[in-house]
C-alpha cells in the first residue's frame, strides 16, 4: 500500500505535490498567514512557510526555499551559509509577493562605535526616524572604550534597512554597521 502511494506521489507534479501536502485552509491574519502571503512557492501562495532564524530574510533579499520535514518550506537568504550547504534535491523556487514589503520582519544588526555620552540616544532617534522599530538591544563596552551593540529591529524590506544603516553610518562616533 505504501509503495503505491509513493509511486503515485512521485508521479504527480510539483505543484500538485505542494497542493496536496502543504496547502491549508485560509484563516484570518496570524503570523503563519503573514509568512504565507509574503512568499510564493512554485507559484503557490498558500504554502506553510518558515523564515529561517540563521539569516533572517527580508523582502528584497535574494531567497531560496527548502522543503523541511514536517515544517513546510524553510526560506533562507540565497547567500546564507546554511542554505548553501542544504540538499539541492529539497530546493524549491521561492519568490517574494508584492505584499511582502508591507510586513515587518525581524533582523539583527551589529554596530561598532565609540563609547560616547548620548550616542545611544542618537542611534535610537536615527533608527526610529527611518520607521524602524527596535525590539531589543545589547551593548557592551570594551577596555578600549569601543562599544559593540546588537540591535534587533523590525524592518519592512531591504531598502528600508539599507537607508537605516546609511543614516547610522552618518552619525559621529559610529565606526561600522553590519547586518547579521
N, C-alpha and C. Protein backbone atom coordinates (compact mmCIF):
# COMPACT_ATOMS: atom_id res chain seq x y z
N UNK A 1 0.83 -1.19 0.00
CA UNK A 1 0.00 0.00 0.00
C UNK A 1 0.87 1.26 0.00
N UNK A 2 1.89 1.28 0.88
CA UNK A 2 2.77 2.43 0.96
C UNK A 2 3.49 2.66 -0.36
N UNK A 3 3.94 1.57 -1.00
CA UNK A 3 4.64 1.69 -2.26
C UNK A 3 3.76 2.31 -3.33
N UNK A 4 2.47 1.94 -3.38
CA UNK A 4 1.55 2.52 -4.35
C UNK A 4 1.39 4.01 -4.12
N UNK A 5 1.28 4.42 -2.83
CA UNK A 5 1.15 5.85 -2.52
C UNK A 5 2.42 6.59 -2.92
N UNK A 6 3.58 5.97 -2.65
CA UNK A 6 4.85 6.59 -3.00
C UNK A 6 4.98 6.76 -4.51
N UNK A 7 4.61 5.71 -5.27
CA UNK A 7 4.67 5.79 -6.73
C UNK A 7 3.72 6.87 -7.23
N UNK A 8 2.52 6.93 -6.64
CA UNK A 8 1.56 7.95 -7.04
C UNK A 8 2.10 9.34 -6.71
N UNK A 9 2.74 9.49 -5.56
CA UNK A 9 3.29 10.77 -5.14
C UNK A 9 4.41 11.21 -6.07
N UNK A 10 5.27 10.28 -6.47
CA UNK A 10 6.36 10.59 -7.38
C UNK A 10 5.83 11.00 -8.74
N UNK A 11 4.72 10.44 -9.14
CA UNK A 11 4.18 10.69 -10.47
C UNK A 11 3.48 12.04 -10.60
N UNK A 12 3.05 12.62 -9.50
CA UNK A 12 2.33 13.89 -9.61
C UNK A 12 3.31 15.05 -9.75
N UNK A 13 2.82 16.15 -10.27
CA UNK A 13 3.67 17.32 -10.49
C UNK A 13 4.04 17.98 -9.18
N UNK A 14 5.08 18.82 -9.23
CA UNK A 14 5.50 19.57 -8.05
C UNK A 14 4.36 20.42 -7.50
N UNK A 15 3.65 21.09 -8.40
CA UNK A 15 2.56 21.96 -7.97
C UNK A 15 1.48 21.15 -7.26
N UNK A 16 1.13 20.03 -7.83
CA UNK A 16 0.13 19.16 -7.22
C UNK A 16 0.65 18.63 -5.88
N UNK A 17 1.93 18.31 -5.81
CA UNK A 17 2.53 17.84 -4.57
C UNK A 17 2.35 18.88 -3.47
N UNK A 18 2.67 20.12 -3.77
CA UNK A 18 2.53 21.17 -2.76
C UNK A 18 1.07 21.38 -2.39
N UNK A 19 0.19 21.30 -3.36
CA UNK A 19 -1.23 21.47 -3.05
C UNK A 19 -1.72 20.36 -2.13
N UNK A 20 -1.28 19.13 -2.35
CA UNK A 20 -1.74 18.02 -1.53
C UNK A 20 -1.07 17.99 -0.16
N UNK A 21 0.21 18.33 -0.08
CA UNK A 21 0.95 18.20 1.17
C UNK A 21 0.88 19.45 2.05
N UNK A 22 1.07 20.62 1.45
CA UNK A 22 1.25 21.81 2.26
C UNK A 22 0.07 22.78 2.29
N UNK A 23 -0.88 22.65 1.40
CA UNK A 23 -1.98 23.61 1.39
C UNK A 23 -2.79 23.50 2.67
N UNK A 24 -3.22 24.63 3.17
CA UNK A 24 -4.02 24.67 4.38
C UNK A 24 -5.21 25.56 4.15
N UNK A 25 -6.18 25.47 5.03
CA UNK A 25 -7.34 26.34 4.90
C UNK A 25 -6.95 27.76 5.23
N UNK A 26 -7.57 28.71 4.51
CA UNK A 26 -7.28 30.13 4.75
C UNK A 26 -7.91 30.57 6.06
N UNK A 27 -7.12 31.25 6.87
CA UNK A 27 -7.62 31.82 8.12
C UNK A 27 -7.29 33.30 8.11
N UNK A 28 -7.93 34.06 9.01
CA UNK A 28 -7.64 35.49 9.12
C UNK A 28 -6.19 35.66 9.52
N UNK A 29 -5.68 36.88 9.41
CA UNK A 29 -4.28 37.19 9.62
C UNK A 29 -3.76 36.65 10.95
N UNK A 30 -2.75 35.83 10.87
CA UNK A 30 -1.95 35.44 12.01
C UNK A 30 -0.52 35.38 11.51
N UNK A 31 0.41 35.04 12.36
CA UNK A 31 1.81 35.08 11.95
C UNK A 31 2.09 34.14 10.79
N UNK A 32 1.55 32.91 10.83
CA UNK A 32 1.78 31.97 9.74
C UNK A 32 1.17 32.47 8.44
N UNK A 33 -0.02 33.06 8.53
CA UNK A 33 -0.67 33.58 7.33
C UNK A 33 0.18 34.70 6.72
N UNK A 34 0.74 35.55 7.58
CA UNK A 34 1.60 36.62 7.10
C UNK A 34 2.80 36.05 6.36
N UNK A 35 3.39 35.00 6.92
CA UNK A 35 4.53 34.36 6.28
C UNK A 35 4.13 33.80 4.92
N UNK A 36 2.96 33.15 4.89
CA UNK A 36 2.49 32.57 3.63
C UNK A 36 2.25 33.63 2.58
N UNK A 37 1.68 34.76 2.96
CA UNK A 37 1.36 35.77 1.96
C UNK A 37 2.60 36.56 1.53
N UNK A 38 3.71 36.40 2.24
CA UNK A 38 4.93 37.13 1.90
C UNK A 38 5.70 36.48 0.75
N UNK A 39 5.54 35.18 0.57
CA UNK A 39 6.28 34.47 -0.48
C UNK A 39 5.38 33.52 -1.26
N UNK A 40 5.79 33.25 -2.48
CA UNK A 40 5.16 32.22 -3.30
C UNK A 40 6.15 31.10 -3.48
N UNK A 41 5.66 29.87 -3.35
CA UNK A 41 6.48 28.68 -3.53
C UNK A 41 6.00 27.99 -4.79
N UNK A 42 6.85 27.93 -5.79
CA UNK A 42 6.48 27.31 -7.08
C UNK A 42 5.15 27.87 -7.58
N UNK A 43 4.94 29.17 -7.40
CA UNK A 43 3.72 29.82 -7.89
C UNK A 43 2.54 29.76 -6.94
N UNK A 44 2.63 29.00 -5.86
CA UNK A 44 1.54 28.89 -4.89
C UNK A 44 1.78 29.87 -3.74
N UNK A 45 0.71 30.47 -3.25
CA UNK A 45 0.88 31.42 -2.15
C UNK A 45 0.22 30.95 -0.86
N UNK A 46 -0.20 29.71 -0.78
CA UNK A 46 -0.84 29.18 0.43
C UNK A 46 -0.09 27.95 0.92
N UNK A 47 1.21 28.10 1.07
CA UNK A 47 2.07 27.01 1.49
C UNK A 47 2.65 27.37 2.86
N UNK A 48 2.75 26.41 3.74
CA UNK A 48 3.34 26.63 5.06
C UNK A 48 4.79 27.05 4.90
N UNK A 49 5.12 28.24 5.41
CA UNK A 49 6.44 28.83 5.24
C UNK A 49 7.03 29.16 6.60
N UNK A 50 8.33 28.98 6.71
CA UNK A 50 9.05 29.34 7.92
C UNK A 50 10.30 30.10 7.48
N UNK A 51 10.45 31.33 7.98
CA UNK A 51 11.65 32.11 7.68
C UNK A 51 12.75 31.70 8.63
N UNK A 52 13.92 31.35 8.08
CA UNK A 52 14.98 30.84 8.93
C UNK A 52 15.57 31.91 9.83
N UNK A 53 15.91 31.48 11.02
CA UNK A 53 16.48 32.39 12.01
C UNK A 53 17.99 32.55 11.84
N UNK A 54 18.59 31.75 10.98
CA UNK A 54 20.04 31.88 10.78
C UNK A 54 20.39 33.10 9.93
N UNK A 55 19.51 33.49 9.02
CA UNK A 55 19.84 34.59 8.10
C UNK A 55 18.77 35.68 8.03
N UNK A 56 17.62 35.46 8.63
CA UNK A 56 16.53 36.45 8.70
C UNK A 56 16.26 37.15 7.37
N UNK A 57 15.73 36.43 6.38
CA UNK A 57 15.45 37.07 5.08
C UNK A 57 14.36 38.13 5.19
N UNK A 58 14.53 39.22 4.44
CA UNK A 58 13.52 40.28 4.36
C UNK A 58 13.23 40.56 2.90
N UNK A 59 12.08 41.16 2.64
CA UNK A 59 11.68 41.48 1.26
C UNK A 59 12.79 42.25 0.57
N UNK A 60 13.12 41.80 -0.62
CA UNK A 60 14.20 42.42 -1.39
C UNK A 60 15.45 41.56 -1.41
N UNK A 61 15.61 40.66 -0.43
CA UNK A 61 16.73 39.73 -0.43
C UNK A 61 16.51 38.68 -1.50
N UNK A 62 17.60 38.19 -2.09
CA UNK A 62 17.52 37.01 -2.94
C UNK A 62 17.28 35.84 -1.99
N UNK A 63 16.29 35.00 -2.28
CA UNK A 63 15.93 33.92 -1.36
C UNK A 63 15.91 32.55 -2.03
N UNK A 64 16.06 31.53 -1.19
CA UNK A 64 15.96 30.13 -1.62
C UNK A 64 15.03 29.43 -0.64
N UNK A 65 14.30 28.43 -1.12
CA UNK A 65 13.41 27.66 -0.27
C UNK A 65 13.81 26.20 -0.26
N UNK A 66 13.63 25.57 0.90
CA UNK A 66 13.96 24.16 1.05
C UNK A 66 12.84 23.46 1.80
N UNK A 67 12.40 22.33 1.26
CA UNK A 67 11.37 21.54 1.92
C UNK A 67 11.97 20.95 3.18
N UNK A 68 11.31 21.21 4.32
CA UNK A 68 11.79 20.65 5.58
C UNK A 68 10.85 19.54 6.02
N UNK A 69 11.31 18.70 6.89
CA UNK A 69 10.50 17.57 7.35
C UNK A 69 9.46 18.06 8.35
N UNK A 70 8.20 18.08 7.95
CA UNK A 70 7.11 18.40 8.84
C UNK A 70 6.93 19.87 9.18
N UNK A 71 7.74 20.76 8.60
CA UNK A 71 7.64 22.18 8.95
C UNK A 71 7.48 23.06 7.72
N UNK A 72 7.00 22.52 6.64
CA UNK A 72 6.76 23.31 5.44
C UNK A 72 8.04 23.62 4.70
N UNK A 73 8.11 24.83 4.16
CA UNK A 73 9.27 25.27 3.39
C UNK A 73 10.04 26.29 4.20
N UNK A 74 11.33 26.04 4.38
CA UNK A 74 12.22 26.97 5.09
C UNK A 74 12.79 27.95 4.06
N UNK A 75 12.63 29.25 4.32
CA UNK A 75 13.11 30.28 3.41
C UNK A 75 14.39 30.88 3.98
N UNK A 76 15.44 30.89 3.16
CA UNK A 76 16.75 31.41 3.54
C UNK A 76 17.17 32.50 2.55
N UNK A 77 18.08 33.37 2.97
CA UNK A 77 18.74 34.25 2.00
C UNK A 77 19.62 33.35 1.14
N UNK A 78 19.72 33.69 -0.14
CA UNK A 78 20.48 32.84 -1.06
C UNK A 78 21.95 32.73 -0.70
N UNK A 79 22.49 33.74 -0.01
CA UNK A 79 23.90 33.72 0.37
C UNK A 79 24.12 33.13 1.77
N UNK A 80 23.07 32.60 2.37
CA UNK A 80 23.15 32.01 3.72
C UNK A 80 24.03 30.76 3.69
N UNK A 81 24.95 30.68 4.63
CA UNK A 81 25.85 29.52 4.71
C UNK A 81 25.05 28.23 4.91
N UNK A 82 24.01 28.28 5.72
CA UNK A 82 23.17 27.10 5.95
C UNK A 82 22.49 26.67 4.66
N UNK A 83 21.95 27.63 3.92
CA UNK A 83 21.26 27.31 2.67
C UNK A 83 22.22 26.72 1.64
N UNK A 84 23.43 27.25 1.60
CA UNK A 84 24.41 26.76 0.63
C UNK A 84 24.82 25.31 0.91
N UNK A 85 24.66 24.87 2.16
CA UNK A 85 25.05 23.50 2.50
C UNK A 85 23.88 22.52 2.48
N UNK A 86 22.68 22.98 2.14
CA UNK A 86 21.49 22.11 2.16
C UNK A 86 21.42 21.24 0.90
N UNK A 87 20.66 20.16 1.01
CA UNK A 87 20.45 19.22 -0.08
C UNK A 87 19.69 19.90 -1.21
N UNK A 88 20.30 19.98 -2.38
CA UNK A 88 19.69 20.67 -3.52
C UNK A 88 18.43 19.96 -4.03
N UNK A 89 18.26 18.69 -3.69
CA UNK A 89 17.04 17.96 -4.08
C UNK A 89 15.82 18.49 -3.33
N UNK A 90 16.03 19.14 -2.20
CA UNK A 90 14.93 19.69 -1.41
C UNK A 90 14.63 21.15 -1.77
N UNK A 91 15.42 21.73 -2.67
CA UNK A 91 15.25 23.13 -3.02
C UNK A 91 14.01 23.34 -3.91
N UNK A 92 13.29 24.42 -3.66
CA UNK A 92 12.12 24.79 -4.45
C UNK A 92 12.22 26.26 -4.82
N UNK A 93 11.52 26.64 -5.89
CA UNK A 93 11.52 28.03 -6.33
C UNK A 93 10.69 28.87 -5.37
N UNK A 94 11.27 29.96 -4.91
CA UNK A 94 10.64 30.85 -3.94
C UNK A 94 10.79 32.28 -4.45
N UNK A 95 9.73 33.07 -4.29
CA UNK A 95 9.82 34.48 -4.65
C UNK A 95 8.95 35.31 -3.72
N UNK A 96 9.35 36.56 -3.52
CA UNK A 96 8.58 37.47 -2.69
C UNK A 96 7.30 37.88 -3.42
N UNK A 97 6.23 38.05 -2.68
CA UNK A 97 4.99 38.60 -3.25
C UNK A 97 5.03 40.12 -3.08
N UNK A 98 4.08 40.80 -3.69
CA UNK A 98 4.00 42.25 -3.55
C UNK A 98 3.66 42.65 -2.12
N UNK A 99 2.95 41.79 -1.40
CA UNK A 99 2.58 42.07 -0.01
C UNK A 99 3.77 42.01 0.94
N UNK A 100 4.85 41.39 0.52
CA UNK A 100 5.99 41.16 1.41
C UNK A 100 6.54 42.45 2.01
N UNK A 101 6.56 43.52 1.23
CA UNK A 101 7.12 44.80 1.73
C UNK A 101 6.21 45.48 2.74
N UNK A 102 5.00 45.00 2.90
CA UNK A 102 4.08 45.57 3.88
C UNK A 102 4.23 44.92 5.25
N UNK A 103 4.91 43.78 5.30
CA UNK A 103 5.02 43.00 6.54
C UNK A 103 6.37 43.23 7.20
N UNK A 104 6.36 43.62 8.48
CA UNK A 104 7.60 43.82 9.22
C UNK A 104 8.24 42.48 9.54
N UNK A 105 9.54 42.40 9.35
CA UNK A 105 10.31 41.19 9.64
C UNK A 105 11.43 41.55 10.62
N UNK A 106 11.80 40.60 11.46
CA UNK A 106 12.86 40.81 12.45
C UNK A 106 14.22 40.53 11.83
N UNK A 107 15.16 41.43 12.07
CA UNK A 107 16.55 41.24 11.65
C UNK A 107 17.45 41.74 12.77
N UNK A 108 18.74 41.45 12.64
CA UNK A 108 19.72 41.93 13.62
C UNK A 108 20.80 42.71 12.88
N UNK A 109 21.26 43.78 13.53
CA UNK A 109 22.43 44.49 13.03
C UNK A 109 23.43 44.61 14.16
N UNK A 110 24.69 44.74 13.79
CA UNK A 110 25.76 44.94 14.77
C UNK A 110 26.37 46.30 14.50
N UNK A 111 26.50 47.10 15.56
CA UNK A 111 27.07 48.44 15.44
C UNK A 111 28.31 48.51 16.32
N UNK A 112 29.42 48.91 15.72
CA UNK A 112 30.66 49.18 16.44
C UNK A 112 30.80 50.69 16.50
N UNK A 113 30.98 51.22 17.71
CA UNK A 113 31.06 52.67 17.88
C UNK A 113 31.97 53.04 19.04
N UNK A 114 32.24 54.33 19.14
CA UNK A 114 32.97 54.85 20.29
C UNK A 114 32.02 54.91 21.47
N UNK A 115 32.57 54.79 22.66
CA UNK A 115 31.76 54.91 23.87
C UNK A 115 31.65 56.40 24.20
N UNK A 116 30.60 57.03 23.70
CA UNK A 116 30.39 58.47 23.90
C UNK A 116 29.03 58.71 24.54
N UNK A 117 29.00 59.67 25.44
CA UNK A 117 27.75 60.02 26.10
C UNK A 117 26.74 60.52 25.06
N UNK A 118 25.52 59.99 25.11
CA UNK A 118 24.44 60.43 24.23
C UNK A 118 24.38 59.72 22.89
N UNK A 119 25.40 58.92 22.56
CA UNK A 119 25.41 58.26 21.24
C UNK A 119 24.28 57.24 21.11
N UNK A 120 23.98 56.51 22.17
CA UNK A 120 22.87 55.55 22.12
C UNK A 120 21.56 56.27 21.83
N UNK A 121 21.36 57.41 22.43
CA UNK A 121 20.14 58.20 22.18
C UNK A 121 20.08 58.63 20.71
N UNK A 122 21.19 59.08 20.17
CA UNK A 122 21.23 59.49 18.76
C UNK A 122 20.94 58.31 17.83
N UNK A 123 21.52 57.14 18.15
CA UNK A 123 21.28 55.95 17.32
C UNK A 123 19.80 55.59 17.36
N UNK A 124 19.21 55.62 18.53
CA UNK A 124 17.79 55.30 18.68
C UNK A 124 16.93 56.26 17.87
N UNK A 125 17.25 57.54 17.93
CA UNK A 125 16.49 58.54 17.17
C UNK A 125 16.61 58.31 15.67
N UNK A 126 17.82 58.01 15.21
CA UNK A 126 18.04 57.76 13.77
C UNK A 126 17.25 56.54 13.32
N UNK A 127 17.30 55.47 14.08
CA UNK A 127 16.61 54.23 13.72
C UNK A 127 15.10 54.46 13.65
N UNK A 128 14.54 55.08 14.67
CA UNK A 128 13.08 55.28 14.69
C UNK A 128 12.64 56.30 13.65
N UNK A 129 13.50 57.26 13.32
CA UNK A 129 13.13 58.23 12.28
C UNK A 129 13.03 57.59 10.90
N UNK A 130 13.61 56.40 10.74
CA UNK A 130 13.53 55.66 9.47
C UNK A 130 12.30 54.76 9.42
N UNK A 131 11.46 54.82 10.47
CA UNK A 131 10.27 53.98 10.52
C UNK A 131 10.57 52.56 10.95
N UNK A 132 11.71 52.37 11.61
CA UNK A 132 12.15 51.05 12.05
C UNK A 132 11.96 50.96 13.56
N UNK A 133 11.44 49.82 14.01
CA UNK A 133 11.21 49.59 15.43
C UNK A 133 12.38 48.80 16.02
N UNK A 134 12.83 49.21 17.20
CA UNK A 134 13.86 48.48 17.93
C UNK A 134 13.13 47.55 18.91
N UNK A 135 13.34 46.24 18.76
CA UNK A 135 12.66 45.29 19.66
C UNK A 135 13.55 44.88 20.82
N UNK A 136 14.86 44.92 20.65
CA UNK A 136 15.78 44.68 21.76
C UNK A 136 17.18 45.12 21.34
N UNK A 137 18.02 45.32 22.35
CA UNK A 137 19.41 45.64 22.05
C UNK A 137 20.29 45.22 23.20
N UNK A 138 21.55 44.98 22.88
CA UNK A 138 22.54 44.59 23.87
C UNK A 138 23.84 45.29 23.49
N UNK A 139 24.35 46.12 24.40
CA UNK A 139 25.58 46.86 24.12
C UNK A 139 26.60 46.55 25.20
N UNK A 140 27.83 46.30 24.75
CA UNK A 140 28.94 46.06 25.66
C UNK A 140 30.10 46.96 25.27
N UNK A 141 30.77 47.51 26.28
CA UNK A 141 31.92 48.38 26.06
C UNK A 141 33.17 47.61 26.45
N UNK A 142 34.21 47.69 25.59
CA UNK A 142 35.46 47.00 25.92
C UNK A 142 36.44 47.98 26.58
N UNK A 143 37.62 47.49 26.92
CA UNK A 143 38.60 48.31 27.63
C UNK A 143 39.14 49.46 26.79
N UNK A 144 39.01 49.39 25.49
CA UNK A 144 39.48 50.44 24.58
C UNK A 144 38.43 51.53 24.36
N UNK A 145 37.36 51.51 25.16
CA UNK A 145 36.27 52.48 25.05
C UNK A 145 35.54 52.39 23.70
N UNK A 146 35.50 51.19 23.13
CA UNK A 146 34.71 50.91 21.93
C UNK A 146 33.52 50.08 22.38
N UNK A 147 32.35 50.37 21.83
CA UNK A 147 31.14 49.66 22.18
C UNK A 147 30.66 48.84 20.99
N UNK A 148 30.17 47.64 21.28
CA UNK A 148 29.56 46.79 20.26
C UNK A 148 28.11 46.57 20.67
N UNK A 149 27.21 46.93 19.77
CA UNK A 149 25.79 46.78 20.04
C UNK A 149 25.12 45.85 19.06
N UNK A 150 24.31 44.94 19.56
CA UNK A 150 23.49 44.07 18.72
C UNK A 150 22.06 44.57 18.86
N UNK A 151 21.49 45.03 17.75
CA UNK A 151 20.14 45.58 17.73
C UNK A 151 19.22 44.62 17.01
N UNK A 152 18.10 44.26 17.63
CA UNK A 152 17.04 43.51 16.95
C UNK A 152 16.04 44.55 16.45
N UNK A 153 15.80 44.54 15.14
CA UNK A 153 14.94 45.54 14.52
C UNK A 153 13.81 44.89 13.75
N UNK A 154 12.72 45.64 13.56
CA UNK A 154 11.63 45.24 12.68
C UNK A 154 11.68 46.15 11.46
N UNK A 155 11.95 45.56 10.30
CA UNK A 155 12.01 46.33 9.05
C UNK A 155 11.06 45.71 8.04
N UNK A 156 10.66 46.50 7.06
CA UNK A 156 9.73 46.01 6.05
C UNK A 156 10.43 45.44 4.83
N UNK A 157 11.60 45.97 4.50
CA UNK A 157 12.29 45.49 3.31
C UNK A 157 13.76 45.88 3.33
N UNK A 158 14.48 45.38 2.35
CA UNK A 158 15.92 45.60 2.26
C UNK A 158 16.25 47.07 2.04
N UNK A 159 15.42 47.78 1.29
CA UNK A 159 15.67 49.20 1.04
C UNK A 159 15.56 50.01 2.33
N UNK A 160 14.56 49.71 3.16
CA UNK A 160 14.39 50.42 4.43
C UNK A 160 15.59 50.13 5.34
N UNK A 161 16.06 48.89 5.36
CA UNK A 161 17.22 48.53 6.17
C UNK A 161 18.46 49.27 5.68
N UNK A 162 18.67 49.29 4.37
CA UNK A 162 19.84 49.97 3.80
C UNK A 162 19.83 51.47 4.14
N UNK A 163 18.68 52.08 4.06
CA UNK A 163 18.54 53.50 4.38
C UNK A 163 18.86 53.74 5.87
N UNK A 164 18.38 52.86 6.72
CA UNK A 164 18.64 52.96 8.16
C UNK A 164 20.14 52.81 8.45
N UNK A 165 20.79 51.85 7.80
CA UNK A 165 22.22 51.64 8.00
C UNK A 165 23.01 52.86 7.53
N UNK A 166 22.67 53.41 6.37
CA UNK A 166 23.36 54.61 5.87
C UNK A 166 23.22 55.77 6.86
N UNK A 167 22.02 55.94 7.40
CA UNK A 167 21.79 57.02 8.35
C UNK A 167 22.62 56.81 9.62
N UNK A 168 22.70 55.58 10.09
CA UNK A 168 23.52 55.29 11.27
C UNK A 168 25.00 55.55 10.99
N UNK A 169 25.46 55.14 9.82
CA UNK A 169 26.87 55.35 9.47
C UNK A 169 27.23 56.82 9.39
N UNK A 170 26.24 57.68 9.19
CA UNK A 170 26.46 59.12 9.12
C UNK A 170 26.62 59.79 10.48
N UNK A 171 26.35 59.06 11.55
CA UNK A 171 26.49 59.63 12.89
C UNK A 171 27.96 59.69 13.30
N UNK A 172 28.34 60.79 13.96
CA UNK A 172 29.69 60.93 14.50
C UNK A 172 29.85 59.91 15.63
N UNK A 173 30.91 59.14 15.62
CA UNK A 173 31.17 58.14 16.65
C UNK A 173 30.88 56.72 16.21
N UNK A 174 30.18 56.55 15.08
CA UNK A 174 29.90 55.21 14.56
C UNK A 174 31.09 54.77 13.72
N UNK A 175 31.58 53.57 14.01
CA UNK A 175 32.73 53.03 13.27
C UNK A 175 32.26 52.12 12.14
N UNK A 176 31.31 51.22 12.44
CA UNK A 176 30.83 50.27 11.43
C UNK A 176 29.43 49.79 11.81
N UNK A 177 28.64 49.49 10.77
CA UNK A 177 27.31 48.91 10.95
C UNK A 177 27.20 47.75 9.97
N UNK A 178 26.77 46.59 10.44
CA UNK A 178 26.59 45.45 9.55
C UNK A 178 25.36 44.66 9.92
N UNK A 179 24.76 44.08 8.89
CA UNK A 179 23.62 43.18 9.09
C UNK A 179 24.14 41.82 9.47
N UNK A 180 23.50 41.20 10.45
CA UNK A 180 23.91 39.85 10.86
C UNK A 180 23.01 38.83 10.18
